[in-house]
C-alpha atoms as a PDB file:
ATOM      1  CA  UNK A   1       0.000   0.000   0.000  1.00  0.00           C
ATOM      2  CA  UNK A   2       2.822   2.424   0.867  1.00  0.00           C
ATOM      3  CA  UNK A   3       4.494   1.646  -2.455  1.00  0.00           C
ATOM      4  CA  UNK A   4       1.260   2.472  -4.291  1.00  0.00           C
ATOM      5  CA  UNK A   5       0.940   5.797  -2.405  1.00  0.00           C
ATOM      6  CA  UNK A   6       4.542   6.671  -3.166  1.00  0.00           C
ATOM      7  CA  UNK A   7       3.889   6.170  -6.871  1.00  0.00           C
ATOM      8  CA  UNK A   8       1.349   8.966  -6.859  1.00  0.00           C
ATOM      9  CA  UNK A   9       3.056  11.855  -5.017  1.00  0.00           C
ATOM     10  CA  UNK A  10       0.094  14.248  -5.242  1.00  0.00           C
ATOM     11  CA  UNK A  11      -2.192  11.623  -3.760  1.00  0.00           C
ATOM     12  CA  UNK A  12       0.426  10.886  -1.105  1.00  0.00           C
ATOM     13  CA  UNK A  13       0.423  14.547  -0.096  1.00  0.00           C
ATOM     14  CA  UNK A  14      -3.345  14.359   0.455  1.00  0.00           C
ATOM     15  CA  UNK A  15      -3.432  10.981   2.163  1.00  0.00           C
ATOM     16  CA  UNK A  16      -0.258  10.739   4.275  1.00  0.00           C
ATOM     17  CA  UNK A  17       1.458  14.071   4.795  1.00  0.00           C
ATOM     18  CA  UNK A  18       4.301  12.693   6.933  1.00  0.00           C
ATOM     19  CA  UNK A  19       5.137  10.013   4.377  1.00  0.00           C
ATOM     20  CA  UNK A  20       4.996  12.673   1.628  1.00  0.00           C
ATOM     21  CA  UNK A  21       7.612  14.719   3.537  1.00  0.00           C
ATOM     22  CA  UNK A  22       9.876  11.713   4.044  1.00  0.00           C
ATOM     23  CA  UNK A  23       9.626  10.700   0.392  1.00  0.00           C
ATOM     24  CA  UNK A  24      10.187  14.266  -0.820  1.00  0.00           C
ATOM     25  CA  UNK A  25      13.316  14.576   1.329  1.00  0.00           C
ATOM     26  CA  UNK A  26      14.567  11.239   0.008  1.00  0.00           C
ATOM     27  CA  UNK A  27      13.974  12.360  -3.589  1.00  0.00           C
ATOM     28  CA  UNK A  28      15.806  15.643  -2.988  1.00  0.00           C
ATOM     29  CA  UNK A  29      18.727  13.922  -1.254  1.00  0.00           C
ATOM     30  CA  UNK A  30      19.013  11.491  -4.179  1.00  0.00           C
ATOM     31  CA  UNK A  31      18.689  14.383  -6.636  1.00  0.00           C
ATOM     32  CA  UNK A  32      15.711  12.646  -8.194  1.00  0.00           C
ATOM     33  CA  UNK A  33      14.186  15.990  -9.126  1.00  0.00           C
ATOM     34  CA  UNK A  34      11.783  14.605 -11.745  1.00  0.00           C
ATOM     35  CA  UNK A  35       9.952  12.631  -9.047  1.00  0.00           C
ATOM     36  CA  UNK A  36       9.481  15.620  -6.691  1.00  0.00           C
ATOM     37  CA  UNK A  37       5.937  16.904  -6.187  1.00  0.00           C
ATOM     38  CA  UNK A  38       6.976  20.490  -6.948  1.00  0.00           C
ATOM     39  CA  UNK A  39       3.564  22.158  -6.662  1.00  0.00           C
ATOM     40  CA  UNK A  40       2.974  20.960  -3.124  1.00  0.00           C
ATOM     41  CA  UNK A  41       6.614  21.483  -2.120  1.00  0.00           C
ATOM     42  CA  UNK A  42       6.508  25.111  -3.278  1.00  0.00           C
ATOM     43  CA  UNK A  43       3.239  25.639  -1.419  1.00  0.00           C
ATOM     44  CA  UNK A  44       4.758  24.167   1.752  1.00  0.00           C
ATOM     45  CA  UNK A  45       7.864  26.365   1.558  1.00  0.00           C
ATOM     46  CA  UNK A  46       5.732  29.477   1.059  1.00  0.00           C
ATOM     47  CA  UNK A  47       3.602  28.335   3.977  1.00  0.00           C
ATOM     48  CA  UNK A  48       6.667  28.441   6.234  1.00  0.00           C
ATOM     49  CA  UNK A  49       7.007  32.160   5.560  1.00  0.00           C
ATOM     50  CA  UNK A  50       3.313  32.769   6.179  1.00  0.00           C
ATOM     51  CA  UNK A  51       3.544  30.838   9.428  1.00  0.00           C
ATOM     52  CA  UNK A  52       6.448  32.961  10.682  1.00  0.00           C
ATOM     53  CA  UNK A  53       4.564  36.134   9.753  1.00  0.00           C
ATOM     54  CA  UNK A  54       1.449  34.999  11.614  1.00  0.00           C
ATOM     55  CA  UNK A  55       3.571  34.042  14.626  1.00  0.00           C
ATOM     56  CA  UNK A  56       5.252  37.467  14.644  1.00  0.00           C
ATOM     57  CA  UNK A  57       1.892  39.239  14.427  1.00  0.00           C
ATOM     58  CA  UNK A  58       0.481  37.175  17.267  1.00  0.00           C
ATOM     59  CA  UNK A  59       3.508  37.754  19.495  1.00  0.00           C
ATOM     60  CA  UNK A  60       3.525  41.499  18.825  1.00  0.00           C
ATOM     61  CA  UNK A  61      -0.209  41.741  19.497  1.00  0.00           C
ATOM     62  CA  UNK A  62       0.167  39.867  22.809  1.00  0.00           C
ATOM     63  CA  UNK A  63       3.194  41.986  23.750  1.00  0.00           C
ATOM     64  CA  UNK A  64       1.223  45.177  23.146  1.00  0.00           C
ATOM     65  CA  UNK A  65      -1.765  43.806  25.058  1.00  0.00           C
ATOM     66  CA  UNK A  66       0.391  43.151  28.128  1.00  0.00           C
ATOM     67  CA  UNK A  67       2.209  46.483  27.885  1.00  0.00           C
ATOM     68  CA  UNK A  68      -1.159  48.235  27.795  1.00  0.00           C
ATOM     69  CA  UNK A  69      -2.502  46.264  30.746  1.00  0.00           C
ATOM     70  CA  UNK A  70       0.652  47.014  32.729  1.00  0.00           C
ATOM     71  CA  UNK A  71       0.506  50.695  31.890  1.00  0.00           C
ATOM     72  CA  UNK A  72      -3.217  51.412  32.138  1.00  0.00           C
ATOM     73  CA  UNK A  73      -5.135  48.745  34.116  1.00  0.00           C
ATOM     74  CA  UNK A  74      -4.527  50.387  37.453  1.00  0.00           C
ATOM     75  CA  UNK A  75      -6.895  48.306  39.604  1.00  0.00           C
ATOM     76  CA  UNK A  76      -5.132  45.056  38.633  1.00  0.00           C
ATOM     77  CA  UNK A  77      -1.560  46.331  38.281  1.00  0.00           C
ATOM     78  CA  UNK A  78      -0.241  45.342  41.709  1.00  0.00           C
ATOM     79  CA  UNK A  79      -1.860  41.916  41.649  1.00  0.00           C
ATOM     80  CA  UNK A  80      -0.715  41.054  38.095  1.00  0.00           C
ATOM     81  CA  UNK A  81       2.488  43.080  37.620  1.00  0.00           C
ATOM     82  CA  UNK A  82       4.882  40.116  37.922  1.00  0.00           C
ATOM     83  CA  UNK A  83       2.830  37.944  35.575  1.00  0.00           C
ATOM     84  CA  UNK A  84       2.457  40.693  32.974  1.00  0.00           C
ATOM     85  CA  UNK A  85       6.182  41.509  33.119  1.00  0.00           C
ATOM     86  CA  UNK A  86       6.965  37.814  32.677  1.00  0.00           C
ATOM     87  CA  UNK A  87       4.724  37.653  29.624  1.00  0.00           C
ATOM     88  CA  UNK A  88       6.289  40.836  28.212  1.00  0.00           C
ATOM     89  CA  UNK A  89       9.787  39.341  28.599  1.00  0.00           C
ATOM     90  CA  UNK A  90       8.658  36.087  26.992  1.00  0.00           C
ATOM     91  CA  UNK A  91       7.023  37.746  23.966  1.00  0.00           C
ATOM     92  CA  UNK A  92      10.018  40.036  23.385  1.00  0.00           C
ATOM     93  CA  UNK A  93      12.433  37.103  23.499  1.00  0.00           C
ATOM     94  CA  UNK A  94      10.352  35.089  21.048  1.00  0.00           C
ATOM     95  CA  UNK A  95      10.127  38.047  18.648  1.00  0.00           C
ATOM     96  CA  UNK A  96      13.878  38.617  18.978  1.00  0.00           C
ATOM     97  CA  UNK A  97      14.589  34.973  18.114  1.00  0.00           C
ATOM     98  CA  UNK A  98      12.303  35.015  15.099  1.00  0.00           C
ATOM     99  CA  UNK A  99      13.935  38.207  13.806  1.00  0.00           C
ATOM    100  CA  UNK A 100      17.408  36.791  14.495  1.00  0.00           C
ATOM    101  CA  UNK A 101      16.568  33.717  12.420  1.00  0.00           C
ATOM    102  CA  UNK A 102      14.844  35.733   9.681  1.00  0.00           C
ATOM    103  CA  UNK A 103      16.038  39.356   9.698  1.00  0.00           C
ATOM    104  CA  UNK A 104      14.142  39.999   6.469  1.00  0.00           C
ATOM    105  CA  UNK A 105      10.903  39.862   8.516  1.00  0.00           C
ATOM    106  CA  UNK A 106      11.751  43.133  10.315  1.00  0.00           C
ATOM    107  CA  UNK A 107      10.171  45.320   7.571  1.00  0.00           C
ATOM    108  CA  UNK A 108       7.078  43.101   7.696  1.00  0.00           C
ATOM    109  CA  UNK A 109       6.825  43.613  11.453  1.00  0.00           C
ATOM    110  CA  UNK A 110       7.039  47.370  10.937  1.00  0.00           C
ATOM    111  CA  UNK A 111       4.301  47.214   8.294  1.00  0.00           C
ATOM    112  CA  UNK A 112       1.843  45.432  10.638  1.00  0.00           C
ATOM    113  CA  UNK A 113       2.739  47.362  13.797  1.00  0.00           C
ATOM    114  CA  UNK A 114      -0.249  49.755  13.686  1.00  0.00           C
ATOM    115  CA  UNK A 115      -2.726  46.935  13.064  1.00  0.00           C
ATOM    116  CA  UNK A 116      -1.195  44.810  15.834  1.00  0.00           C
ATOM    117  CA  UNK A 117      -1.353  47.784  18.181  1.00  0.00           C
ATOM    118  CA  UNK A 118      -5.071  48.245  17.523  1.00  0.00           C
ATOM    119  CA  UNK A 119      -5.711  44.517  17.943  1.00  0.00           C
ATOM    120  CA  UNK A 120      -3.734  44.433  21.204  1.00  0.00           C
ATOM    121  CA  UNK A 121      -5.683  47.461  22.389  1.00  0.00           C
ATOM    122  CA  UNK A 122      -9.010  45.750  21.637  1.00  0.00           C
ATOM    123  CA  UNK A 123      -7.923  42.579  23.418  1.00  0.00           C
ATOM    124  CA  UNK A 124      -6.788  44.567  26.470  1.00  0.00           C
ATOM    125  CA  UNK A 125     -10.199  46.273  26.487  1.00  0.00           C
ATOM    126  CA  UNK A 126     -12.093  42.991  26.304  1.00  0.00           C
ATOM    127  CA  UNK A 127     -10.026  41.330  29.024  1.00  0.00           C
ATOM    128  CA  UNK A 128     -10.021  44.305  31.375  1.00  0.00           C
ATOM    129  CA  UNK A 129     -13.610  45.322  30.634  1.00  0.00           C
ATOM    130  CA  UNK A 130     -12.330  48.909  30.648  1.00  0.00           C
ATOM    131  CA  UNK A 131     -13.595  51.378  28.045  1.00  0.00           C
ATOM    132  CA  UNK A 132     -11.589  51.352  24.818  1.00  0.00           C
ATOM    133  CA  UNK A 133     -10.546  54.971  25.363  1.00  0.00           C
ATOM    134  CA  UNK A 134      -8.696  53.895  28.543  1.00  0.00           C
ATOM    135  CA  UNK A 135      -5.937  52.756  26.200  1.00  0.00           C
ATOM    136  CA  UNK A 136      -4.362  55.346  23.880  1.00  0.00           C
ATOM    137  CA  UNK A 137      -5.557  55.224  20.277  1.00  0.00           C
ATOM    138  CA  UNK A 138      -2.061  55.968  19.018  1.00  0.00           C
ATOM    139  CA  UNK A 139       0.744  53.519  19.866  1.00  0.00           C
ATOM    140  CA  UNK A 140       2.236  54.175  23.299  1.00  0.00           C
ATOM    141  CA  UNK A 141       5.765  53.966  21.831  1.00  0.00           C
ATOM    142  CA  UNK A 142       7.515  53.333  18.523  1.00  0.00           C
ATOM    143  CA  UNK A 143       8.074  49.699  17.546  1.00  0.00           C
ATOM    144  CA  UNK A 144      11.764  49.800  18.484  1.00  0.00           C
ATOM    145  CA  UNK A 145      10.859  50.913  22.009  1.00  0.00           C
ATOM    146  CA  UNK A 146       8.059  48.324  22.284  1.00  0.00           C
ATOM    147  CA  UNK A 147      10.667  45.652  21.502  1.00  0.00           C
ATOM    148  CA  UNK A 148      13.304  47.126  23.844  1.00  0.00           C
ATOM    149  CA  UNK A 149      13.852  44.735  26.756  1.00  0.00           C
ATOM    150  CA  UNK A 150      14.661  47.637  29.076  1.00  0.00           C
ATOM    151  CA  UNK A 151      11.486  49.642  28.414  1.00  0.00           C
ATOM    152  CA  UNK A 152       8.154  49.438  30.211  1.00  0.00           C
ATOM    153  CA  UNK A 153       5.304  51.956  30.147  1.00  0.00           C
END
């Protein structure tokens, strides 16, 4: 059965993704380029970039959310300060690692900063149940400062 699936690479991609990966790697290692399922391989490689972009957006949004809660949710600040600071450190480190591994994503991060700020602001509002205008409409700091491990609001 495995041999039959391997014969039809496109079908293998749809029916056994892990086996498709293993077979594709084997074909590439053996330089058997004619047998490679190029359409799906190209789609998978592009998907890696999309995944990193989504991860960066999510981390930046969560970082902004926690910076806003730390800076503006006064009634919960003392109780949650340590947790929020821990989350802020964690998100910054993850963003730093992603940008270290893929420096070309830095311009992308800059391009989505405003949108991530607004999303983080909305999430902070929903979690805190504070009015939206509690949190500044404009970003509380430039992106470089938001990412700076030594800065807190």
